[in-house]
Amino acid sequence: MGKQFYVKVGGEYACFTDPNLKVERVSYPVMTPSAARGVLEAIFWKPAFRWEIRTIKVLKPIKTLSMMRNEIKDRQQNNPIVIEEAKQRQQRISMVLKNVEYVIAAEMRLVWKNKDFKGYSAQFERRLTRGAYHHTPYLGTREFAAWFEPATGDEKPETVIDKQYLGVMFFDTAYVKSDDRSDMRFLRHSQPVEQEHKPPIETRGYPHYLFFPAHIENNSVVVPATKYQELYQLEGKDV
């Protein structure tokens, strides 16, 4: 597609954690590509395309804060969880970020062929300008709601951050279809054939976490495009 979209996003608190850490919540110092994709999908998403994050620019100084939060022990299933009866409440310490602000640069990558990219692009730009969204965007966890607005990509940061190594950062999750290993169920959308729209199919498989060595150079984290090719190969998509 080649066209980049710029979205300015921020909030009072944020927590971008490593999915391998199950006990204490310790945030990465910068928004992850997966979290950036989640913000864009909250604004506008269709199964015909996927958001590919190119850069994440840090506009505010990186500040951390330690807080205690109440969480539940188990995941929500078909039946509701009654916290008081099941003794599900747990108190955990979280290391979160405070007063964050970023500019996300991203592209739309069509997953379904012969679809109208210009139409999707126009829809997203209208929703971005109006401040419309499908569900409330958040910064890592749902209790940390995010605001957003259009950006140009030329926004100047408050503090210069250059040549800082962030370590191995979480990139995104590939949902791999597998009959041998069925850790979870997820939905797969198939491309319509001759205007015939089929409902999404429930598929069994497992999540595969992808990581990359992250650096901040001139206040920006550059996301390697090769990671998306790896993700598409794992999911069996020809993009």
C-alpha atoms as a PDB file:
ATOM      1  CA  MET A   1       0.000   0.000   0.000  1.00  0.00           C
ATOM      2  CA  GLY A   2       2.831   2.367   0.899  1.00  0.00           C
ATOM      3  CA  LYS A   3       0.685   4.957   2.722  1.00  0.00           C
ATOM      4  CA  GLN A   4       1.510   5.615   6.350  1.00  0.00           C
ATOM      5  CA  PHE A   5      -1.043   6.736   8.908  1.00  0.00           C
ATOM      6  CA  TYR A   6       0.010   8.773  11.942  1.00  0.00           C
ATOM      7  CA  VAL A   7      -1.925   8.620  15.199  1.00  0.00           C
ATOM      8  CA  LYS A   8      -1.081  10.473  18.393  1.00  0.00           C
ATOM      9  CA  VAL A   9      -2.090   8.526  21.485  1.00  0.00           C
ATOM     10  CA  GLY A  10      -1.569   8.995  25.193  1.00  0.00           C
ATOM     11  CA  GLY A  11      -2.925   8.531  28.682  1.00  0.00           C
ATOM     12  CA  GLU A  12      -2.320   8.987  32.378  1.00  0.00           C
ATOM     13  CA  TYR A  13      -1.051   5.431  32.906  1.00  0.00           C
ATOM     14  CA  ALA A  14       0.134   2.523  30.743  1.00  0.00           C
ATOM     15  CA  CYS A  15       1.391  -1.017  31.273  1.00  0.00           C
ATOM     16  CA  PHE A  16       2.935  -2.941  28.355  1.00  0.00           C
ATOM     17  CA  THR A  17       3.994  -6.294  29.753  1.00  0.00           C
ATOM     18  CA  ASP A  18       5.816  -9.357  28.533  1.00  0.00           C
ATOM     19  CA  PRO A  19       3.197 -12.117  27.970  1.00  0.00           C
ATOM     20  CA  ASN A  20       5.587 -14.641  29.543  1.00  0.00           C
ATOM     21  CA  LEU A  21       5.392 -12.851  32.914  1.00  0.00           C
ATOM     22  CA  LYS A  22       2.377 -14.282  34.727  1.00  0.00           C
ATOM     23  CA  VAL A  23       2.840 -12.988  38.273  1.00  0.00           C
ATOM     24  CA  GLU A  24       4.090  -9.428  38.590  1.00  0.00           C
ATOM     25  CA  ARG A  25       3.256  -6.825  35.944  1.00  0.00           C
ATOM     26  CA  VAL A  26       6.400  -4.982  34.865  1.00  0.00           C
ATOM     27  CA  SER A  27       5.931  -2.678  31.896  1.00  0.00           C
ATOM     28  CA  TYR A  28       8.339  -2.246  29.027  1.00  0.00           C
ATOM     29  CA  PRO A  29       9.639   1.358  28.992  1.00  0.00           C
ATOM     30  CA  VAL A  30       7.894   1.989  25.641  1.00  0.00           C
ATOM     31  CA  MET A  31       4.654   0.933  23.963  1.00  0.00           C
ATOM     32  CA  THR A  32       4.944  -2.421  22.175  1.00  0.00           C
ATOM     33  CA  PRO A  33       3.909  -2.957  18.512  1.00  0.00           C
ATOM     34  CA  SER A  34       1.133  -5.271  19.702  1.00  0.00           C
ATOM     35  CA  ALA A  35      -0.318  -2.549  21.943  1.00  0.00           C
ATOM     36  CA  ALA A  36      -0.060  -0.005  19.121  1.00  0.00           C
ATOM     37  CA  ARG A  37      -1.949  -2.364  16.812  1.00  0.00           C
ATOM     38  CA  GLY A  38      -4.607  -2.775  19.495  1.00  0.00           C
ATOM     39  CA  VAL A  39      -5.178   0.993  19.621  1.00  0.00           C
ATOM     40  CA  LEU A  40      -5.609   1.199  15.844  1.00  0.00           C
ATOM     41  CA  GLU A  41      -7.937  -1.814  15.757  1.00  0.00           C
ATOM     42  CA  ALA A  42     -10.081  -0.182  18.444  1.00  0.00           C
ATOM     43  CA  ILE A  43     -10.559   2.756  16.074  1.00  0.00           C
ATOM     44  CA  PHE A  44     -11.104   0.776  12.856  1.00  0.00           C
ATOM     45  CA  TRP A  45     -10.623  -2.851  11.847  1.00  0.00           C
ATOM     46  CA  LYS A  46     -11.803  -5.226   9.131  1.00  0.00           C
ATOM     47  CA  PRO A  47     -10.754  -8.847   8.521  1.00  0.00           C
ATOM     48  CA  ALA A  48      -9.649  -7.821   5.018  1.00  0.00           C
ATOM     49  CA  PHE A  49      -6.534  -6.013   6.291  1.00  0.00           C
ATOM     50  CA  ARG A  50      -3.996  -6.016   9.087  1.00  0.00           C
ATOM     51  CA  TRP A  51      -2.263  -3.064  10.731  1.00  0.00           C
ATOM     52  CA  GLU A  52       1.534  -3.157  10.435  1.00  0.00           C
ATOM     53  CA  ILE A  53       3.351  -0.849  12.833  1.00  0.00           C
ATOM     54  CA  ARG A  54       6.377   0.921  11.377  1.00  0.00           C
ATOM     55  CA  THR A  55       7.585   3.246  14.154  1.00  0.00           C
ATOM     56  CA  ILE A  56       6.562   4.312  17.656  1.00  0.00           C
ATOM     57  CA  LYS A  57       7.792   7.794  18.595  1.00  0.00           C
ATOM     58  CA  VAL A  58       8.130   8.637  22.309  1.00  0.00           C
ATOM     59  CA  LEU A  59       7.011  12.215  23.017  1.00  0.00           C
ATOM     60  CA  LYS A  60       7.078  12.313  26.843  1.00  0.00           C
ATOM     61  CA  PRO A  61       9.898  11.418  29.251  1.00  0.00           C
ATOM     62  CA  ILE A  62       9.787   7.793  30.436  1.00  0.00           C
ATOM     63  CA  LYS A  63       8.473   7.760  34.013  1.00  0.00           C
ATOM     64  CA  THR A  64       7.593   4.674  36.080  1.00  0.00           C
ATOM     65  CA  LEU A  65       5.297   4.204  39.037  1.00  0.00           C
ATOM     66  CA  SER A  66       4.762   1.246  41.372  1.00  0.00           C
ATOM     67  CA  MET A  67       1.137   0.546  42.321  1.00  0.00           C
ATOM     68  CA  MET A  68      -0.917  -2.245  43.839  1.00  0.00           C
ATOM     69  CA  ARG A  69      -3.906  -3.523  41.855  1.00  0.00           C
ATOM     70  CA  ASN A  70      -6.654  -6.042  42.479  1.00  0.00           C
ATOM     71  CA  GLU A  71      -6.807  -8.871  39.934  1.00  0.00           C
ATOM     72  CA  ILE A  72      -8.694 -12.152  39.594  1.00  0.00           C
ATOM     73  CA  LYS A  73      -6.984 -15.534  39.676  1.00  0.00           C
ATOM     74  CA  ASP A  74      -8.716 -17.224  36.724  1.00  0.00           C
ATOM     75  CA  ARG A  75      -9.723 -16.127  33.249  1.00  0.00           C
ATOM     76  CA  GLN A  76     -13.314 -15.314  32.386  1.00  0.00           C
ATOM     77  CA  GLN A  77     -15.094 -18.308  30.829  1.00  0.00           C
ATOM     78  CA  ASN A  78     -18.685 -18.843  29.701  1.00  0.00           C
ATOM     79  CA  ASN A  79     -19.974 -18.572  33.266  1.00  0.00           C
ATOM     80  CA  PRO A  80     -19.503 -15.303  35.189  1.00  0.00           C
ATOM     81  CA  ILE A  81     -16.962 -15.162  37.997  1.00  0.00           C
ATOM     82  CA  VAL A  82     -18.272 -14.182  41.422  1.00  0.00           C
ATOM     83  CA  ILE A  83     -15.183 -12.768  43.077  1.00  0.00           C
ATOM     84  CA  GLU A  84     -16.423 -12.893  46.673  1.00  0.00           C
ATOM     85  CA  GLU A  85     -17.680 -16.483  46.495  1.00  0.00           C
ATOM     86  CA  ALA A  86     -14.764 -18.001  44.588  1.00  0.00           C
ATOM     87  CA  LYS A  87     -12.097 -16.019  46.456  1.00  0.00           C
ATOM     88  CA  GLN A  88     -10.704 -14.889  43.128  1.00  0.00           C
ATOM     89  CA  ARG A  89      -9.302 -11.520  44.176  1.00  0.00           C
ATOM     90  CA  GLN A  90      -5.524 -11.195  44.291  1.00  0.00           C
ATOM     91  CA  GLN A  91      -3.410  -8.146  45.052  1.00  0.00           C
ATOM     92  CA  ARG A  92      -0.348  -7.690  42.877  1.00  0.00           C
ATOM     93  CA  ILE A  93       2.314  -5.040  42.522  1.00  0.00           C
ATOM     94  CA  SER A  94       2.585  -3.491  39.063  1.00  0.00           C
ATOM     95  CA  MET A  95       5.364  -1.346  37.630  1.00  0.00           C
ATOM     96  CA  VAL A  96       3.531   0.960  35.212  1.00  0.00           C
ATOM     97  CA  LEU A  97       4.338   4.001  33.094  1.00  0.00           C
ATOM     98  CA  LYS A  98       3.013   7.447  33.959  1.00  0.00           C
ATOM     99  CA  ASN A  99       1.889  10.278  31.634  1.00  0.00           C
ATOM    100  CA  VAL A 100       2.718   8.640  28.303  1.00  0.00           C
ATOM    101  CA  GLU A 101       2.363  10.056  24.819  1.00  0.00           C
ATOM    102  CA  TYR A 102       3.313   8.444  21.495  1.00  0.00           C
ATOM    103  CA  VAL A 103       2.947   8.872  17.752  1.00  0.00           C
ATOM    104  CA  ILE A 104       2.196   5.607  15.971  1.00  0.00           C
ATOM    105  CA  ALA A 105       3.171   5.284  12.301  1.00  0.00           C
ATOM    106  CA  ALA A 106       1.432   2.336  10.644  1.00  0.00           C
ATOM    107  CA  GLU A 107       0.345   0.913   7.292  1.00  0.00           C
ATOM    108  CA  MET A 108      -2.673  -1.104   6.194  1.00  0.00           C
ATOM    109  CA  ARG A 109      -1.681  -4.440   4.689  1.00  0.00           C
ATOM    110  CA  LEU A 110      -4.458  -6.139   2.726  1.00  0.00           C
ATOM    111  CA  VAL A 111      -4.937  -9.772   3.730  1.00  0.00           C
ATOM    112  CA  TRP A 112      -7.781 -10.351   1.281  1.00  0.00           C
ATOM    113  CA  LYS A 113      -6.946  -9.664  -2.360  1.00  0.00           C
ATOM    114  CA  ASN A 114      -9.010  -7.427  -4.660  1.00  0.00           C
ATOM    115  CA  LYS A 115     -10.348  -5.312  -1.802  1.00  0.00           C
ATOM    116  CA  ASP A 116     -10.802  -1.536  -1.849  1.00  0.00           C
ATOM    117  CA  PHE A 117      -7.840  -0.094   0.031  1.00  0.00           C
ATOM    118  CA  LYS A 118      -8.935   3.503  -0.663  1.00  0.00           C
ATOM    119  CA  GLY A 119     -12.311   2.845   0.915  1.00  0.00           C
ATOM    120  CA  TYR A 120     -10.782   1.432   4.092  1.00  0.00           C
ATOM    121  CA  SER A 121      -8.276   4.281   4.216  1.00  0.00           C
ATOM    122  CA  ALA A 122     -11.025   6.905   3.941  1.00  0.00           C
ATOM    123  CA  GLN A 123     -13.103   5.200   6.638  1.00  0.00           C
ATOM    124  CA  PHE A 124     -10.195   5.139   9.063  1.00  0.00           C
ATOM    125  CA  GLU A 125      -9.316   8.793   8.459  1.00  0.00           C
ATOM    126  CA  ARG A 126     -12.917   9.876   9.035  1.00  0.00           C
ATOM    127  CA  ARG A 127     -13.124   7.940  12.300  1.00  0.00           C
ATOM    128  CA  LEU A 128      -9.746   9.261  13.431  1.00  0.00           C
ATOM    129  CA  THR A 129     -10.768  12.878  12.744  1.00  0.00           C
ATOM    130  CA  ARG A 130     -14.116  12.478  14.542  1.00  0.00           C
ATOM    131  CA  GLY A 131     -12.594  10.616  17.485  1.00  0.00           C
ATOM    132  CA  ALA A 132     -14.861   7.624  16.810  1.00  0.00           C
ATOM    133  CA  TYR A 133     -13.971   4.082  17.861  1.00  0.00           C
ATOM    134  CA  HIS A 134     -15.461   0.584  18.030  1.00  0.00           C
ATOM    135  CA  HIS A 135     -14.365   0.036  21.619  1.00  0.00           C
ATOM    136  CA  THR A 136     -12.384   2.183  24.029  1.00  0.00           C
ATOM    137  CA  PRO A 137      -8.670   2.050  23.137  1.00  0.00           C
ATOM    138  CA  TYR A 138      -6.360   1.297  26.024  1.00  0.00           C
ATOM    139  CA  LEU A 139      -2.660   1.328  26.860  1.00  0.00           C
ATOM    140  CA  GLY A 140      -1.689  -2.259  27.611  1.00  0.00           C
ATOM    141  CA  THR A 141      -4.494  -3.073  30.052  1.00  0.00           C
ATOM    142  CA  ARG A 142      -8.155  -2.124  29.807  1.00  0.00           C
ATOM    143  CA  GLU A 143      -8.239   0.008  32.956  1.00  0.00           C
ATOM    144  CA  PHE A 144      -5.711   2.398  31.381  1.00  0.00           C
ATOM    145  CA  ALA A 145      -7.881   4.098  28.765  1.00  0.00           C
ATOM    146  CA  ALA A 146      -6.200   6.073  25.971  1.00  0.00           C
ATOM    147  CA  TRP A 147      -7.063   9.239  24.078  1.00  0.00           C
ATOM    148  CA  PHE A 148      -6.080   9.674  20.432  1.00  0.00           C
ATOM    149  CA  GLU A 149      -6.013  12.270  17.666  1.00  0.00           C
ATOM    150  CA  PRO A 150      -4.571  12.716  14.162  1.00  0.00           C
ATOM    151  CA  ALA A 151      -0.821  13.362  13.913  1.00  0.00           C
ATOM    152  CA  THR A 152       1.650  14.419  11.243  1.00  0.00           C
ATOM    153  CA  GLY A 153       4.689  12.410  12.320  1.00  0.00           C
ATOM    154  CA  ASP A 154       6.707  15.602  12.832  1.00  0.00           C
ATOM    155  CA  GLU A 155       5.711  16.131  16.458  1.00  0.00           C
ATOM    156  CA  LYS A 156       8.637  17.218  18.636  1.00  0.00           C
ATOM    157  CA  PRO A 157       9.308  15.267  21.865  1.00  0.00           C
ATOM    158  CA  GLU A 158       9.698  16.978  25.207  1.00  0.00           C
ATOM    159  CA  THR A 159      12.968  15.142  25.917  1.00  0.00           C
ATOM    160  CA  VAL A 160      15.523  13.761  23.468  1.00  0.00           C
ATOM    161  CA  ILE A 161      16.065  10.002  23.825  1.00  0.00           C
ATOM    162  CA  ASP A 162      18.704   8.600  21.477  1.00  0.00           C
ATOM    163  CA  LYS A 163      20.616   5.343  21.086  1.00  0.00           C
ATOM    164  CA  GLN A 164      19.043   3.482  24.010  1.00  0.00           C
ATOM    165  CA  TYR A 165      18.784  -0.305  23.959  1.00  0.00           C
ATOM    166  CA  LEU A 166      15.479  -1.553  25.392  1.00  0.00           C
ATOM    167  CA  GLY A 167      16.281  -5.269  25.346  1.00  0.00           C
ATOM    168  CA  VAL A 168      14.190  -7.981  23.756  1.00  0.00           C
ATOM    169  CA  MET A 169      10.664  -6.596  23.342  1.00  0.00           C
ATOM    170  CA  PHE A 170       7.386  -8.351  22.648  1.00  0.00           C
ATOM    171  CA  PHE A 171       6.360  -7.899  19.001  1.00  0.00           C
ATOM    172  CA  ASP A 172       3.044  -9.684  18.503  1.00  0.00           C
ATOM    173  CA  THR A 173       1.234 -13.003  18.751  1.00  0.00           C
ATOM    174  CA  ALA A 174       0.807 -15.438  15.861  1.00  0.00           C
ATOM    175  CA  TYR A 175      -2.204 -17.707  16.219  1.00  0.00           C
ATOM    176  CA  VAL A 176      -1.081 -20.979  14.682  1.00  0.00           C
ATOM    177  CA  LYS A 177      -3.622 -23.529  13.498  1.00  0.00           C
ATOM    178  CA  SER A 178      -2.789 -27.014  14.756  1.00  0.00           C
ATOM    179  CA  ASP A 179      -4.649 -30.280  15.274  1.00  0.00           C
ATOM    180  CA  ASP A 180      -1.876 -31.748  17.414  1.00  0.00           C
ATOM    181  CA  ARG A 181      -1.533 -28.848  19.827  1.00  0.00           C
ATOM    182  CA  SER A 182      -4.843 -27.255  20.830  1.00  0.00           C
ATOM    183  CA  ASP A 183      -4.037 -24.793  23.601  1.00  0.00           C
ATOM    184  CA  MET A 184      -6.843 -22.420  22.669  1.00  0.00           C
ATOM    185  CA  ARG A 185      -9.631 -21.638  20.221  1.00  0.00           C
ATOM    186  CA  PHE A 186      -9.676 -18.595  17.947  1.00  0.00           C
ATOM    187  CA  LEU A 187     -11.639 -17.316  14.949  1.00  0.00           C
ATOM    188  CA  ARG A 188     -10.409 -17.306  11.363  1.00  0.00           C
ATOM    189  CA  HIS A 189     -12.081 -15.130   8.734  1.00  0.00           C
ATOM    190  CA  SER A 190     -12.104 -16.476   5.176  1.00  0.00           C
ATOM    191  CA  GLN A 191     -12.174 -14.205   2.128  1.00  0.00           C
ATOM    192  CA  PRO A 192     -15.613 -13.930   0.497  1.00  0.00           C
ATOM    193  CA  VAL A 193     -15.951 -15.686  -2.860  1.00  0.00           C
ATOM    194  CA  GLU A 194     -18.193 -14.005  -5.452  1.00  0.00           C
ATOM    195  CA  GLN A 195     -19.764 -11.732  -2.831  1.00  0.00           C
ATOM    196  CA  GLU A 196     -20.597 -14.712  -0.617  1.00  0.00           C
ATOM    197  CA  HIS A 197     -19.817 -13.787   2.956  1.00  0.00           C
ATOM    198  CA  LYS A 198     -19.090 -16.698   5.242  1.00  0.00           C
ATOM    199  CA  PRO A 199     -19.099 -16.469   9.043  1.00  0.00           C
ATOM    200  CA  PRO A 200     -15.763 -16.806  10.840  1.00  0.00           C
ATOM    201  CA  ILE A 201     -14.646 -20.340  11.578  1.00  0.00           C
ATOM    202  CA  GLU A 202     -13.605 -21.431  15.067  1.00  0.00           C
ATOM    203  CA  THR A 203     -10.137 -22.948  14.840  1.00  0.00           C
ATOM    204  CA  ARG A 204      -7.995 -24.854  17.314  1.00  0.00           C
ATOM    205  CA  GLY A 205      -4.319 -24.121  17.741  1.00  0.00           C
ATOM    206  CA  TYR A 206      -1.859 -22.285  19.946  1.00  0.00           C
ATOM    207  CA  PRO A 207      -0.386 -18.776  20.402  1.00  0.00           C
ATOM    208  CA  HIS A 208       3.226 -18.239  19.331  1.00  0.00           C
ATOM    209  CA  TYR A 209       4.905 -15.164  20.834  1.00  0.00           C
ATOM    210  CA  LEU A 210       7.306 -13.169  18.664  1.00  0.00           C
ATOM    211  CA  PHE A 211      10.031 -10.851  19.999  1.00  0.00           C
ATOM    212  CA  PHE A 212      12.620  -8.471  18.544  1.00  0.00           C
ATOM    213  CA  PRO A 213      15.655  -6.492  19.830  1.00  0.00           C
ATOM    214  CA  ALA A 214      14.314  -2.968  20.386  1.00  0.00           C
ATOM    215  CA  HIS A 215      16.237   0.298  20.282  1.00  0.00           C
ATOM    216  CA  ILE A 216      15.250   3.940  20.670  1.00  0.00           C
ATOM    217  CA  GLU A 217      16.990   6.132  18.123  1.00  0.00           C
ATOM    218  CA  ASN A 218      15.994   9.780  17.846  1.00  0.00           C
ATOM    219  CA  ASN A 219      13.013   9.057  20.157  1.00  0.00           C
ATOM    220  CA  SER A 220      11.615   6.346  17.851  1.00  0.00           C
ATOM    221  CA  VAL A 221      11.415   2.567  18.035  1.00  0.00           C
ATOM    222  CA  VAL A 222      11.650   1.116  14.522  1.00  0.00           C
ATOM    223  CA  VAL A 223       9.688  -2.115  14.075  1.00  0.00           C
ATOM    224  CA  PRO A 224      11.378  -4.556  11.635  1.00  0.00           C
ATOM    225  CA  ALA A 225       9.101  -5.370   8.695  1.00  0.00           C
ATOM    226  CA  THR A 226      10.573  -8.880   8.500  1.00  0.00           C
ATOM    227  CA  LYS A 227       8.759  -9.819  11.715  1.00  0.00           C
ATOM    228  CA  TYR A 228       5.427  -9.464   9.920  1.00  0.00           C
ATOM    229  CA  GLN A 229       6.541 -11.878   7.235  1.00  0.00           C
ATOM    230  CA  GLU A 230       7.456 -14.357   9.978  1.00  0.00           C
ATOM    231  CA  LEU A 231       4.044 -13.852  11.570  1.00  0.00           C
ATOM    232  CA  TYR A 232       2.189 -14.400   8.278  1.00  0.00           C
ATOM    233  CA  GLN A 233       4.159 -17.578   7.595  1.00  0.00           C
ATOM    234  CA  LEU A 234       3.260 -18.978  11.011  1.00  0.00           C
ATOM    235  CA  GLU A 235      -0.419 -18.211  10.437  1.00  0.00           C
ATOM    236  CA  GLY A 236      -0.333 -19.637   6.912  1.00  0.00           C
ATOM    237  CA  LYS A 237      -1.240 -16.380   5.195  1.00  0.00           C
ATOM    238  CA  ASP A 238       0.002 -15.301   1.770  1.00  0.00           C
ATOM    239  CA  VAL A 239       0.434 -11.516   2.087  1.00  0.00           C
END
